[in-house]
Amino acid sequence: MFGTNSRGVNAYAKVGLETGVSAASPHKLIVMLYDGALAAIATAGVQMGAGNIQEKGKAISKAIQIIDNGLRASLDKEVGGEIAANLDALYEYMSSRLLHANLNNDQQALDEVRGLLADLRDTWNQIGGTVAPTTNPQPAAFASM
């Protein structure tokens, strides 16, 4: 009786995401980046298993973009010092491993990056729960957010 309008559904989802982003704290934005990268890696794993090369590539590219243009770009290396430098190197490593996974259909490389991102996300959530509401909710490494 009622057809599904995928454009309408996608537009609704986009508005929901944009509303969530505009209302999110800097801490929550980092969590959203981690979640987005983890979701893209999960999609890449499914597509890799299904032999869908094009969709696998799109998903891995999305994860790399989130890591490079979101997580790495939000680091403030001057304020964050050694922590920011270490995170920058780790994000660079993750992007490299994702590229390797894409070129070689390497599920283990996807799993490795997924594990690293999940650990960082969990740590980030623990940090967020320990910051007093009157202080800046982000460590110095992410001061530019």
Protein backbone atom coordinates (compact mmCIF):
# COMPACT_ATOMS: atom_id res chain seq x y z
CA MET A 1 0.00 0.00 0.00
CA PHE A 2 2.78 2.46 0.93
CA GLY A 3 6.04 2.46 -1.01
CA THR A 4 9.37 3.15 0.58
CA ASN A 5 10.95 6.39 -0.50
CA SER A 6 14.65 5.84 0.08
CA ARG A 7 15.47 9.48 -0.67
CA GLY A 8 12.99 10.58 1.99
CA VAL A 9 14.39 8.10 4.50
CA ASN A 10 17.96 9.18 3.70
CA ALA A 11 17.03 12.87 4.01
CA TYR A 12 15.37 12.20 7.36
CA ALA A 13 18.43 10.30 8.60
CA LYS A 14 20.71 13.12 7.43
CA VAL A 15 18.66 15.73 9.30
CA GLY A 16 18.79 13.54 12.41
CA LEU A 17 22.56 13.22 12.12
CA GLU A 18 23.06 16.93 11.49
CA THR A 19 20.85 17.77 14.48
CA GLY A 20 22.84 15.34 16.64
CA VAL A 21 26.13 16.85 15.49
CA SER A 22 25.06 20.45 16.08
CA ALA A 23 23.82 19.64 19.59
CA ALA A 24 26.78 17.44 20.57
CA SER A 25 29.57 18.40 22.93
CA PRO A 26 33.15 18.17 21.66
CA HIS A 27 33.48 14.93 23.63
CA LYS A 28 30.38 13.47 21.98
CA LEU A 29 31.63 14.51 18.52
CA ILE A 30 34.77 12.41 19.00
CA VAL A 31 32.61 9.46 20.09
CA MET A 32 30.51 9.94 16.95
CA LEU A 33 33.68 9.85 14.82
CA TYR A 34 34.78 6.62 16.48
CA ASP A 35 31.31 5.14 15.99
CA GLY A 36 31.26 6.16 12.32
CA ALA A 37 34.67 4.63 11.64
CA LEU A 38 33.71 1.43 13.47
CA ALA A 39 30.46 1.17 11.48
CA ALA A 40 32.31 1.69 8.20
CA ILE A 41 34.82 -1.02 9.10
CA ALA A 42 32.00 -3.41 10.00
CA THR A 43 30.37 -2.71 6.63
CA ALA A 44 33.71 -3.27 4.90
CA GLY A 45 34.06 -6.65 6.59
CA VAL A 46 30.61 -7.74 5.48
CA GLN A 47 31.23 -6.55 1.92
CA MET A 48 34.65 -8.21 1.86
CA GLY A 49 33.07 -11.50 2.90
CA ALA A 50 30.42 -11.12 0.21
CA GLY A 51 33.03 -10.41 -2.45
CA ASN A 52 31.56 -6.99 -3.19
CA ILE A 53 34.76 -5.14 -4.07
CA GLN A 54 33.16 -1.78 -4.86
CA GLU A 55 31.16 -1.50 -1.63
CA LYS A 56 34.10 -2.79 0.41
CA GLY A 57 36.26 -0.06 -1.09
CA LYS A 58 33.66 2.62 -0.36
CA ALA A 59 33.35 1.53 3.25
CA ILE A 60 37.10 1.40 3.81
CA SER A 61 37.50 4.81 2.15
CA LYS A 62 34.85 6.20 4.48
CA ALA A 63 36.68 4.81 7.52
CA ILE A 64 39.97 6.30 6.33
CA GLN A 65 38.30 9.68 5.75
CA ILE A 66 36.84 9.66 9.25
CA ILE A 67 40.21 8.79 10.76
CA ASP A 68 42.23 11.27 8.68
CA ASN A 69 39.79 14.17 8.28
CA GLY A 70 38.01 13.78 11.60
CA LEU A 71 40.11 12.19 14.31
CA ARG A 72 43.58 13.20 13.09
CA ALA A 73 42.46 16.66 12.00
CA SER A 74 40.98 17.36 15.45
CA LEU A 75 44.28 16.79 17.23
CA ASP A 76 46.00 19.89 18.59
CA LYS A 77 49.63 18.83 18.50
CA GLU A 78 50.90 22.01 20.15
CA VAL A 79 48.66 21.72 23.20
CA GLY A 80 48.39 17.92 23.24
CA GLY A 81 52.13 17.30 23.20
CA GLU A 82 53.26 13.69 23.29
CA ILE A 83 49.74 12.28 23.59
CA ALA A 84 48.61 14.09 20.44
CA ALA A 85 51.77 13.03 18.59
CA ASN A 86 51.23 9.40 19.59
CA LEU A 87 47.57 9.50 18.56
CA ASP A 88 48.55 11.07 15.24
CA ALA A 89 51.01 8.25 14.57
CA LEU A 90 48.42 5.64 15.59
CA TYR A 91 45.78 7.15 13.30
CA GLU A 92 48.31 7.19 10.45
CA TYR A 93 49.05 3.51 11.13
CA MET A 94 45.32 2.69 11.13
CA SER A 95 44.81 4.38 7.77
CA SER A 96 47.76 2.46 6.35
CA ARG A 97 46.38 -0.84 7.65
CA LEU A 98 42.96 -0.06 6.18
CA LEU A 99 44.53 0.65 2.80
CA HIS A 100 46.38 -2.67 3.07
CA ALA A 101 43.11 -4.42 4.00
CA ASN A 102 41.42 -2.95 0.95
CA LEU A 103 44.18 -3.87 -1.49
CA ASN A 104 44.68 -7.38 -0.12
CA ASN A 105 41.21 -8.36 1.15
CA ASP A 106 42.80 -8.75 4.57
CA GLN A 107 40.10 -9.32 7.19
CA GLN A 108 42.72 -9.52 9.95
CA ALA A 109 43.87 -5.97 9.17
CA LEU A 110 40.25 -4.77 9.41
CA ASP A 111 39.89 -6.57 12.74
CA GLU A 112 43.12 -5.03 14.01
CA VAL A 113 41.99 -1.49 13.25
CA ARG A 114 38.51 -2.20 14.61
CA GLY A 115 40.07 -3.35 17.88
CA LEU A 116 42.31 -0.29 18.13
CA LEU A 117 39.41 2.07 17.47
CA ALA A 118 37.15 0.26 19.93
CA ASP A 119 39.83 0.51 22.64
CA LEU A 120 40.30 4.23 21.97
CA ARG A 121 36.55 4.80 22.00
CA ASP A 122 36.18 2.98 25.32
CA THR A 123 39.04 5.01 26.81
CA TRP A 124 37.54 8.21 25.45
CA ASN A 125 34.21 7.36 27.08
CA GLN A 126 35.94 6.71 30.42
CA ILE A 127 37.72 10.07 30.20
CA GLY A 128 34.42 11.79 29.45
CA GLY A 129 32.80 10.37 32.56
CA THR A 130 35.57 11.68 34.83
CA VAL A 131 35.61 15.31 33.72
CA ALA A 132 33.80 17.77 35.97
CA PRO A 133 30.97 19.63 34.18
CA THR A 134 32.60 23.03 34.79
CA THR A 135 35.84 22.10 33.04
CA ASN A 136 36.72 21.66 29.39
CA PRO A 137 35.39 18.18 28.51
CA GLN A 138 38.28 17.35 26.17
CA PRO A 139 41.89 16.45 26.84
CA ALA A 140 44.50 18.84 25.52
CA ALA A 141 45.17 16.54 22.56
CA PHE A 142 41.75 17.49 21.16
CA ALA A 143 41.71 21.13 22.26
CA SER A 144 41.07 22.42 18.75
CA MET A 145 37.65 20.78 18.48
